Amino acid sequence: MLTDYHNHLENGTLSLDYLTKFTDKAKELGIESFGISEHAYHFYQTADILQNPWVNERRYYDMKDYEALFQQAWKRDIDVKMSIEMDYTPGKHKEMEQFIKSYDFDYVIGSIHWVGDFGIDLAEYRKEWDRRDVAQVYKAYFDQVVTLAESNLFDIVGHLDLVKIFKYVPDDEEFLLQQYERATDALAKSKTCVEISTAGLRKPVGEIYPDPRLLQKCFEKNIPIVLSSDAHFPEHVGANFDQALKLAKEIGYTSIMTFSKGERKEYPIG
């Protein structure tokens, strides 16, 4: 079994023609469980969850149109899961839960892109890394990973160590491993799966998410996995999955999780 659960239509249109470019690519690659998980901040219905100038400029979708797109696809027997990637926002658990429960998602991805007002993975904020204490950013980032897991709102945590995207990593390895330890302790007590994401191979860091040491801790604590490409264009669907599979198997994983309307099933990986 192969999954690709983290994909975005935002660089095209919310149309069946554009959606099928993604699903056709998934079918071509033998990806049997495939989903679209558009960024939640694009939707008017999330205005009470996340507000800042960067996201507000990009809030232009309505969930009615998103749901209608999937209804069209399912009527055509196109096998695609409906999901959302939500920016985990501390202090907004009630609002996030309300949004998630309002729609019939197959699964929900929770991701951390913001540490306070700092968009950690955005090119526009890259110079901020040179102004900030890297260890403090990592501590604040993994604080959110812990509370994301404790919220138990999400089926999958997206790109678990996205914070490394621009190659800013604390020099103190013991400190870094402590962050990995507490994050995986919290995830192990939750329903949240971890994605092995090949997106990092297309980013400055040039590595899969998560780091092998972090994934090893996930495996040791029986945290399930899915595979994801985080494709923002059809040609990136399933990108570099050979490397993701190799890593998963080297760590010791033999199974993968699938989702349908919130229900999960485990299958042999590959």
C-alpha atoms as a PDB file:
ATOM      1  CA  MET A   1       0.000   0.000   0.000  1.00  0.00           C
ATOM      2  CA  LEU A   2       1.138   3.516  -0.848  1.00  0.00           C
ATOM      3  CA  THR A   3      -0.478   6.734   0.359  1.00  0.00           C
ATOM      4  CA  ASP A   4      -0.047  10.352  -0.604  1.00  0.00           C
ATOM      5  CA  TYR A   5      -2.172  12.372   1.772  1.00  0.00           C
ATOM      6  CA  HIS A   6      -0.656  15.846   1.659  1.00  0.00           C
ATOM      7  CA  ASN A   7      -1.375  17.689  -1.604  1.00  0.00           C
ATOM      8  CA  HIS A   8      -2.513  21.183  -2.567  1.00  0.00           C
ATOM      9  CA  LEU A   9      -4.557  22.707  -5.391  1.00  0.00           C
ATOM     10  CA  GLU A  10      -3.695  26.308  -4.465  1.00  0.00           C
ATOM     11  CA  ASN A  11      -1.450  26.938  -7.485  1.00  0.00           C
ATOM     12  CA  GLY A  12      -4.260  26.022  -9.857  1.00  0.00           C
ATOM     13  CA  THR A  13      -8.024  26.064  -9.499  1.00  0.00           C
ATOM     14  CA  LEU A  14     -10.677  24.331  -7.422  1.00  0.00           C
ATOM     15  CA  SER A  15     -11.818  22.503 -10.541  1.00  0.00           C
ATOM     16  CA  LEU A  16     -12.301  18.898 -11.553  1.00  0.00           C
ATOM     17  CA  ASP A  17      -9.917  19.342 -14.472  1.00  0.00           C
ATOM     18  CA  TYR A  18      -7.094  20.436 -12.179  1.00  0.00           C
ATOM     19  CA  LEU A  19      -7.899  17.869  -9.485  1.00  0.00           C
ATOM     20  CA  THR A  20      -7.707  15.017 -11.999  1.00  0.00           C
ATOM     21  CA  LYS A  21      -4.171  16.045 -12.955  1.00  0.00           C
ATOM     22  CA  PHE A  22      -3.228  15.057  -9.396  1.00  0.00           C
ATOM     23  CA  THR A  23      -5.308  11.902  -9.206  1.00  0.00           C
ATOM     24  CA  ASP A  24      -4.102  10.743 -12.631  1.00  0.00           C
ATOM     25  CA  LYS A  25      -0.495  11.133 -11.476  1.00  0.00           C
ATOM     26  CA  ALA A  26      -1.236   9.176  -8.306  1.00  0.00           C
ATOM     27  CA  LYS A  27      -2.841   6.389 -10.331  1.00  0.00           C
ATOM     28  CA  GLU A  28       0.130   6.308 -12.704  1.00  0.00           C
ATOM     29  CA  LEU A  29       2.467   5.805  -9.727  1.00  0.00           C
ATOM     30  CA  GLY A  30       0.338   3.108  -8.094  1.00  0.00           C
ATOM     31  CA  ILE A  31      -0.643   5.274  -5.119  1.00  0.00           C
ATOM     32  CA  GLU A  32      -3.764   3.537  -3.872  1.00  0.00           C
ATOM     33  CA  SER A  33      -4.889   5.980  -1.189  1.00  0.00           C
ATOM     34  CA  PHE A  34      -4.647   9.609  -2.268  1.00  0.00           C
ATOM     35  CA  GLY A  35      -5.968  12.817  -0.763  1.00  0.00           C
ATOM     36  CA  ILE A  36      -6.074  16.573  -1.205  1.00  0.00           C
ATOM     37  CA  SER A  37      -5.442  18.603   1.951  1.00  0.00           C
ATOM     38  CA  GLU A  38      -5.734  22.287   1.102  1.00  0.00           C
ATOM     39  CA  HIS A  39      -4.412  24.859   3.552  1.00  0.00           C
ATOM     40  CA  ALA A  40      -7.181  25.762   5.965  1.00  0.00           C
ATOM     41  CA  TYR A  41      -6.136  29.431   6.050  1.00  0.00           C
ATOM     42  CA  HIS A  42      -7.352  29.831   2.468  1.00  0.00           C
ATOM     43  CA  PHE A  43     -10.963  29.441   3.612  1.00  0.00           C
ATOM     44  CA  TYR A  44     -13.224  32.175   4.925  1.00  0.00           C
ATOM     45  CA  GLN A  45     -14.500  29.732   7.544  1.00  0.00           C
ATOM     46  CA  THR A  46     -11.151  29.768   9.400  1.00  0.00           C
ATOM     47  CA  ALA A  47     -11.008  33.521  10.000  1.00  0.00           C
ATOM     48  CA  ASP A  48     -11.665  32.976  13.724  1.00  0.00           C
ATOM     49  CA  ILE A  49      -8.693  30.578  14.027  1.00  0.00           C
ATOM     50  CA  LEU A  50      -5.705  32.243  12.396  1.00  0.00           C
ATOM     51  CA  GLN A  51      -5.240  35.924  11.634  1.00  0.00           C
ATOM     52  CA  ASN A  52      -2.129  37.683  10.413  1.00  0.00           C
ATOM     53  CA  PRO A  53      -1.348  39.898   7.408  1.00  0.00           C
ATOM     54  CA  TRP A  54       0.297  37.071   5.429  1.00  0.00           C
ATOM     55  CA  VAL A  55      -2.581  34.597   5.705  1.00  0.00           C
ATOM     56  CA  ASN A  56      -5.320  37.227   5.445  1.00  0.00           C
ATOM     57  CA  GLU A  57      -4.128  38.159   1.948  1.00  0.00           C
ATOM     58  CA  ARG A  58      -4.541  34.495   0.983  1.00  0.00           C
ATOM     59  CA  ARG A  59      -7.997  33.812   2.412  1.00  0.00           C
ATOM     60  CA  TYR A  60     -10.123  33.501  -0.723  1.00  0.00           C
ATOM     61  CA  TYR A  61     -11.872  30.099  -0.773  1.00  0.00           C
ATOM     62  CA  ASP A  62     -15.245  28.999   0.537  1.00  0.00           C
ATOM     63  CA  MET A  63     -15.677  25.516   1.999  1.00  0.00           C
ATOM     64  CA  LYS A  64     -18.901  25.089   0.006  1.00  0.00           C
ATOM     65  CA  ASP A  65     -16.891  25.190  -3.207  1.00  0.00           C
ATOM     66  CA  TYR A  66     -14.301  22.801  -1.785  1.00  0.00           C
ATOM     67  CA  GLU A  67     -16.933  20.269  -0.738  1.00  0.00           C
ATOM     68  CA  ALA A  68     -18.688  20.610  -4.096  1.00  0.00           C
ATOM     69  CA  LEU A  69     -15.461  19.766  -5.916  1.00  0.00           C
ATOM     70  CA  PHE A  70     -15.132  16.457  -4.088  1.00  0.00           C
ATOM     71  CA  GLN A  71     -18.809  15.653  -4.663  1.00  0.00           C
ATOM     72  CA  GLN A  72     -18.175  16.113  -8.387  1.00  0.00           C
ATOM     73  CA  ALA A  73     -15.133  13.857  -8.227  1.00  0.00           C
ATOM     74  CA  TRP A  74     -16.919  11.097  -6.331  1.00  0.00           C
ATOM     75  CA  LYS A  75     -19.832  11.164  -8.788  1.00  0.00           C
ATOM     76  CA  ARG A  76     -17.248  10.475 -11.517  1.00  0.00           C
ATOM     77  CA  ASP A  77     -15.851   7.586  -9.436  1.00  0.00           C
ATOM     78  CA  ILE A  78     -12.576   9.439  -8.871  1.00  0.00           C
ATOM     79  CA  ASP A  79     -11.004   7.940  -5.764  1.00  0.00           C
ATOM     80  CA  VAL A  80      -9.760  10.930  -3.775  1.00  0.00           C
ATOM     81  CA  LYS A  81      -9.900  11.708  -0.063  1.00  0.00           C
ATOM     82  CA  MET A  82     -11.108  15.097   1.185  1.00  0.00           C
ATOM     83  CA  SER A  83      -8.850  16.595   3.812  1.00  0.00           C
ATOM     84  CA  ILE A  84      -7.506  19.851   5.143  1.00  0.00           C
ATOM     85  CA  GLU A  85      -4.119  20.957   6.409  1.00  0.00           C
ATOM     86  CA  MET A  86      -4.726  23.160   9.403  1.00  0.00           C
ATOM     87  CA  ASP A  87      -2.188  25.497  10.951  1.00  0.00           C
ATOM     88  CA  TYR A  88      -2.143  24.361  14.549  1.00  0.00           C
ATOM     89  CA  THR A  89      -2.917  27.534  16.504  1.00  0.00           C
ATOM     90  CA  PRO A  90      -2.324  27.566  20.277  1.00  0.00           C
ATOM     91  CA  GLY A  91      -5.266  28.884  22.233  1.00  0.00           C
ATOM     92  CA  LYS A  92      -7.720  28.086  19.440  1.00  0.00           C
ATOM     93  CA  HIS A  93      -8.517  24.433  20.238  1.00  0.00           C
ATOM     94  CA  LYS A  94     -12.244  25.062  20.538  1.00  0.00           C
ATOM     95  CA  GLU A  95     -12.400  26.900  17.200  1.00  0.00           C
ATOM     96  CA  MET A  96     -10.254  24.285  15.445  1.00  0.00           C
ATOM     97  CA  GLU A  97     -12.421  21.472  16.782  1.00  0.00           C
ATOM     98  CA  GLN A  98     -15.584  23.267  15.660  1.00  0.00           C
ATOM     99  CA  PHE A  99     -14.203  23.679  12.129  1.00  0.00           C
ATOM    100  CA  ILE A 100     -12.994  20.079  11.886  1.00  0.00           C
ATOM    101  CA  LYS A 101     -16.334  18.683  13.079  1.00  0.00           C
ATOM    102  CA  SER A 102     -18.273  20.846  10.622  1.00  0.00           C
ATOM    103  CA  TYR A 103     -17.079  18.903   7.571  1.00  0.00           C
ATOM    104  CA  ASP A 104     -16.915  15.255   6.583  1.00  0.00           C
ATOM    105  CA  PHE A 105     -13.158  15.018   6.193  1.00  0.00           C
ATOM    106  CA  ASP A 106     -11.506  11.670   5.562  1.00  0.00           C
ATOM    107  CA  TYR A 107      -8.615  12.824   7.764  1.00  0.00           C
ATOM    108  CA  VAL A 108      -7.136  16.091   9.032  1.00  0.00           C
ATOM    109  CA  ILE A 109      -3.494  17.161   8.983  1.00  0.00           C
ATOM    110  CA  GLY A 110      -2.194  19.466  11.697  1.00  0.00           C
ATOM    111  CA  SER A 111       0.960  21.416  10.873  1.00  0.00           C
ATOM    112  CA  ILE A 112       3.059  24.117  12.486  1.00  0.00           C
ATOM    113  CA  HIS A 113       4.143  26.967  10.203  1.00  0.00           C
ATOM    114  CA  TRP A 114       4.018  29.819  12.706  1.00  0.00           C
ATOM    115  CA  VAL A 115       5.935  30.389  15.919  1.00  0.00           C
ATOM    116  CA  GLY A 116       4.124  33.447  17.188  1.00  0.00           C
ATOM    117  CA  ASP A 117       4.390  35.991  14.382  1.00  0.00           C
ATOM    118  CA  PHE A 118       7.299  34.171  12.730  1.00  0.00           C
ATOM    119  CA  GLY A 119       6.478  32.212   9.565  1.00  0.00           C
ATOM    120  CA  ILE A 120       9.296  29.710   9.942  1.00  0.00           C
ATOM    121  CA  ASP A 121       9.111  28.205   6.439  1.00  0.00           C
ATOM    122  CA  LEU A 122       8.319  31.339   4.434  1.00  0.00           C
ATOM    123  CA  ALA A 123      10.882  32.946   2.151  1.00  0.00           C
ATOM    124  CA  GLU A 124       9.603  36.359   3.219  1.00  0.00           C
ATOM    125  CA  TYR A 125      10.687  35.611   6.798  1.00  0.00           C
ATOM    126  CA  ARG A 126      13.962  33.861   6.087  1.00  0.00           C
ATOM    127  CA  LYS A 127      16.162  36.729   7.314  1.00  0.00           C
ATOM    128  CA  GLU A 128      14.385  36.479  10.669  1.00  0.00           C
ATOM    129  CA  TRP A 129      16.351  33.303  11.333  1.00  0.00           C
ATOM    130  CA  ASP A 130      19.555  35.365  11.575  1.00  0.00           C
ATOM    131  CA  ARG A 131      17.952  37.675  14.109  1.00  0.00           C
ATOM    132  CA  ARG A 132      16.618  34.968  16.400  1.00  0.00           C
ATOM    133  CA  ASP A 133      18.046  32.404  18.774  1.00  0.00           C
ATOM    134  CA  VAL A 134      17.742  29.116  16.873  1.00  0.00           C
ATOM    135  CA  ALA A 135      17.405  27.035  20.032  1.00  0.00           C
ATOM    136  CA  GLN A 136      14.580  29.248  21.295  1.00  0.00           C
ATOM    137  CA  VAL A 137      12.737  28.865  17.982  1.00  0.00           C
ATOM    138  CA  TYR A 138      13.150  25.078  18.150  1.00  0.00           C
ATOM    139  CA  LYS A 139      11.962  24.986  21.760  1.00  0.00           C
ATOM    140  CA  ALA A 140       8.856  27.032  20.870  1.00  0.00           C
ATOM    141  CA  TYR A 141       8.235  24.935  17.763  1.00  0.00           C
ATOM    142  CA  PHE A 142       8.382  21.626  19.621  1.00  0.00           C
ATOM    143  CA  ASP A 143       6.270  23.096  22.431  1.00  0.00           C
ATOM    144  CA  GLN A 144       3.575  23.343  19.769  1.00  0.00           C
ATOM    145  CA  VAL A 145       4.203  19.807  18.510  1.00  0.00           C
ATOM    146  CA  VAL A 146       3.525  18.613  22.054  1.00  0.00           C
ATOM    147  CA  THR A 147       0.282  20.560  22.470  1.00  0.00           C
ATOM    148  CA  LEU A 148      -0.809  19.648  18.924  1.00  0.00           C
ATOM    149  CA  ALA A 149      -0.507  15.993  19.911  1.00  0.00           C
ATOM    150  CA  GLU A 150      -2.186  16.551  23.271  1.00  0.00           C
ATOM    151  CA  SER A 151      -5.152  18.221  21.567  1.00  0.00           C
ATOM    152  CA  ASN A 152      -5.874  14.914  19.750  1.00  0.00           C
ATOM    153  CA  LEU A 153      -7.632  16.918  17.036  1.00  0.00           C
ATOM    154  CA  PHE A 154      -5.546  15.667  14.126  1.00  0.00           C
ATOM    155  CA  ASP A 155      -5.077  12.372  12.337  1.00  0.00           C
ATOM    156  CA  ILE A 156      -1.653  13.265  10.940  1.00  0.00           C
ATOM    157  CA  VAL A 157       1.037  15.738  11.917  1.00  0.00           C
ATOM    158  CA  GLY A 158       2.521  17.338   8.817  1.00  0.00           C
ATOM    159  CA  HIS A 159       6.274  17.562   8.135  1.00  0.00           C
ATOM    160  CA  LEU A 160       7.155  16.951  11.775  1.00  0.00           C
ATOM    161  CA  ASP A 161      10.477  18.821  11.758  1.00  0.00           C
ATOM    162  CA  LEU A 162       9.638  21.516   9.220  1.00  0.00           C
ATOM    163  CA  VAL A 163      11.590  23.886  11.461  1.00  0.00           C
ATOM    164  CA  LYS A 164      14.826  22.662   9.804  1.00  0.00           C
ATOM    165  CA  ILE A 165      13.702  23.852   6.331  1.00  0.00           C
ATOM    166  CA  PHE A 166      16.372  26.550   5.895  1.00  0.00           C
ATOM    167  CA  LYS A 167      19.148  24.454   7.502  1.00  0.00           C
ATOM    168  CA  TYR A 168      19.091  26.350  10.790  1.00  0.00           C
ATOM    169  CA  VAL A 169      19.689  23.632  13.395  1.00  0.00           C
ATOM    170  CA  PRO A 170      20.860  23.990  17.004  1.00  0.00           C
ATOM    171  CA  ASP A 171      24.513  23.086  17.552  1.00  0.00           C
ATOM    172  CA  ASP A 172      23.660  21.267  20.774  1.00  0.00           C
ATOM    173  CA  GLU A 173      22.685  17.741  19.677  1.00  0.00           C
ATOM    174  CA  GLU A 174      21.592  16.761  23.176  1.00  0.00           C
ATOM    175  CA  PHE A 175      19.137  19.675  23.189  1.00  0.00           C
ATOM    176  CA  LEU A 176      17.832  18.628  19.751  1.00  0.00           C
ATOM    177  CA  LEU A 177      17.318  15.024  20.836  1.00  0.00           C
ATOM    178  CA  GLN A 178      15.454  16.263  23.920  1.00  0.00           C
ATOM    179  CA  GLN A 179      13.000  18.053  21.614  1.00  0.00           C
ATOM    180  CA  TYR A 180      12.557  14.858  19.592  1.00  0.00           C
ATOM    181  CA  GLU A 181      12.001  12.869  22.783  1.00  0.00           C
ATOM    182  CA  ARG A 182       9.264  15.045  24.203  1.00  0.00           C
ATOM    183  CA  ALA A 183       7.527  15.432  20.849  1.00  0.00           C
ATOM    184  CA  THR A 184       7.362  11.680  20.293  1.00  0.00           C
ATOM    185  CA  ASP A 185       6.306  11.046  23.908  1.00  0.00           C
ATOM    186  CA  ALA A 186       3.269  13.271  23.299  1.00  0.00           C
ATOM    187  CA  LEU A 187       2.507  11.817  19.855  1.00  0.00           C
ATOM    188  CA  ALA A 188       2.659   8.269  21.225  1.00  0.00           C
ATOM    189  CA  LYS A 189      -0.156   9.106  23.659  1.00  0.00           C
ATOM    190  CA  SER A 190      -2.356  10.557  20.884  1.00  0.00           C
ATOM    191  CA  LYS A 191      -4.153   9.270  17.800  1.00  0.00           C
ATOM    192  CA  THR A 192      -1.797  11.283  15.588  1.00  0.00           C
ATOM    193  CA  CYS A 193       0.199   9.597  12.827  1.00  0.00           C
ATOM    194  CA  VAL A 194       3.444  11.006  11.437  1.00  0.00           C
ATOM    195  CA  GLU A 195       3.990  11.563   7.741  1.00  0.00           C
ATOM    196  CA  ILE A 196       7.224  10.700   6.023  1.00  0.00           C
ATOM    197  CA  SER A 197       7.305  13.671   3.677  1.00  0.00           C
ATOM    198  CA  THR A 198       9.503  13.960   0.630  1.00  0.00           C
ATOM    199  CA  ALA A 199       8.829  17.709   0.396  1.00  0.00           C
ATOM    200  CA  GLY A 200      12.047  18.495   2.250  1.00  0.00           C
ATOM    201  CA  LEU A 201      14.036  17.077  -0.655  1.00  0.00           C
ATOM    202  CA  ARG A 202      12.698  19.983  -2.741  1.00  0.00           C
ATOM    203  CA  LYS A 203      13.554  22.577  -0.061  1.00  0.00           C
ATOM    204  CA  PRO A 204      16.863  24.191   0.970  1.00  0.00           C
ATOM    205  CA  VAL A 205      17.401  21.543   3.663  1.00  0.00           C
ATOM    206  CA  GLY A 206      17.451  18.822   0.986  1.00  0.00           C
ATOM    207  CA  GLU A 207      16.244  16.144   3.427  1.00  0.00           C
ATOM    208  CA  ILE A 208      13.142  14.084   4.047  1.00  0.00           C
ATOM    209  CA  TYR A 209      10.929  15.058   6.987  1.00  0.00           C
ATOM    210  CA  PRO A 210      11.415  13.833   9.658  1.00  0.00           C
ATOM    211  CA  ASP A 211      15.089  13.409  10.496  1.00  0.00           C
ATOM    212  CA  PRO A 212      16.001   9.686  10.777  1.00  0.00           C
ATOM    213  CA  ARG A 213      16.756  10.104  14.498  1.00  0.00           C
ATOM    214  CA  LEU A 214      13.294  11.562  15.040  1.00  0.00           C
ATOM    215  CA  LEU A 215      11.634   8.878  12.920  1.00  0.00           C
ATOM    216  CA  GLN A 216      13.513   6.213  14.890  1.00  0.00           C
ATOM    217  CA  LYS A 217      11.949   7.535  18.088  1.00  0.00           C
ATOM    218  CA  CYS A 218       8.533   7.418  16.394  1.00  0.00           C
ATOM    219  CA  PHE A 219       9.101   3.780  15.483  1.00  0.00           C
ATOM    220  CA  GLU A 220      10.291   2.850  18.968  1.00  0.00           C
ATOM    221  CA  LYS A 221       7.112   4.371  20.433  1.00  0.00           C
ATOM    222  CA  ASN A 222       4.791   2.658  17.912  1.00  0.00           C
ATOM    223  CA  ILE A 223       3.662   5.896  16.237  1.00  0.00           C
ATOM    224  CA  PRO A 224       2.062   4.975  12.877  1.00  0.00           C
ATOM    225  CA  ILE A 225       3.152   6.553   9.595  1.00  0.00           C
ATOM    226  CA  VAL A 226       1.758   7.639   6.244  1.00  0.00           C
ATOM    227  CA  LEU A 227       3.665   8.705   3.127  1.00  0.00           C
ATOM    228  CA  SER A 228       3.204  12.189   1.692  1.00  0.00           C
ATOM    229  CA  SER A 229       4.749  14.358  -1.007  1.00  0.00           C
ATOM    230  CA  ASP A 230       3.227  17.740  -0.052  1.00  0.00           C
ATOM    231  CA  ALA A 231       2.755  18.306  -3.788  1.00  0.00           C
ATOM    232  CA  HIS A 232       1.792  21.833  -4.794  1.00  0.00           C
ATOM    233  CA  PHE A 233       1.888  20.847  -8.466  1.00  0.00           C
ATOM    234  CA  PRO A 234       0.694  17.591 -10.108  1.00  0.00           C
ATOM    235  CA  GLU A 235       4.208  16.600 -11.153  1.00  0.00           C
ATOM    236  CA  HIS A 236       5.289  16.428  -7.497  1.00  0.00           C
ATOM    237  CA  VAL A 237       2.711  13.791  -6.515  1.00  0.00           C
ATOM    238  CA  GLY A 238       4.574  10.781  -5.155  1.00  0.00           C
ATOM    239  CA  ALA A 239       7.931  12.483  -5.754  1.00  0.00           C
ATOM    240  CA  ASN A 240      10.954  10.570  -4.420  1.00  0.00           C
ATOM    241  CA  PHE A 241       8.816   7.914  -2.754  1.00  0.00           C
ATOM    242  CA  ASP A 242      11.608   5.407  -3.379  1.00  0.00           C
ATOM    243  CA  GLN A 243      13.686   7.338  -0.843  1.00  0.00           C
ATOM    244  CA  ALA A 244      10.782   7.572   1.622  1.00  0.00           C
ATOM    245  CA  LEU A 245      10.178   3.819   1.423  1.00  0.00           C
ATOM    246  CA  LYS A 246      13.868   3.091   1.851  1.00  0.00           C
ATOM    247  CA  LEU A 247      14.020   5.257   4.978  1.00  0.00           C
ATOM    248  CA  ALA A 248      10.846   3.741   6.455  1.00  0.00           C
ATOM    249  CA  LYS A 249      12.114   0.201   5.973  1.00  0.00           C
ATOM    250  CA  GLU A 250      15.603   1.000   7.287  1.00  0.00           C
ATOM    251  CA  ILE A 251      14.027   2.390  10.459  1.00  0.00           C
ATOM    252  CA  GLY A 252      11.944  -0.774  10.791  1.00  0.00           C
ATOM    253  CA  TYR A 253       8.454   0.187   9.616  1.00  0.00           C
ATOM    254  CA  THR A 254       6.544  -2.567   7.824  1.00  0.00           C
ATOM    255  CA  SER A 255       3.070  -1.014   7.771  1.00  0.00           C
ATOM    256  CA  ILE A 256       1.323   2.189   6.772  1.00  0.00           C
ATOM    257  CA  MET A 257      -1.963   3.767   7.866  1.00  0.00           C
ATOM    258  CA  THR A 258      -4.862   4.653   5.579  1.00  0.00           C
ATOM    259  CA  PHE A 259      -7.901   6.845   6.263  1.00  0.00           C
ATOM    260  CA  SER A 260     -11.502   6.981   5.126  1.00  0.00           C
ATOM    261  CA  LYS A 261     -14.043   9.241   6.834  1.00  0.00           C
ATOM    262  CA  GLY A 262     -11.939   9.319   9.968  1.00  0.00           C
ATOM    263  CA  GLU A 263     -11.555   5.544  10.164  1.00  0.00           C
ATOM    264  CA  ARG A 264      -8.065   4.118   9.888  1.00  0.00           C
ATOM    265  CA  LYS A 265      -6.757   0.826   8.597  1.00  0.00           C
ATOM    266  CA  GLU A 266      -3.233  -0.542   8.630  1.00  0.00           C
ATOM    267  CA  TYR A 267      -1.671  -2.159   5.579  1.00  0.00           C
ATOM    268  CA  PRO A 268       1.765  -3.519   4.664  1.00  0.00           C
ATOM    269  CA  ILE A 269       3.905  -0.682   3.334  1.00  0.00           C
ATOM    270  CA  GLY A 270       4.974  -0.465  -0.320  1.00  0.00           C
END
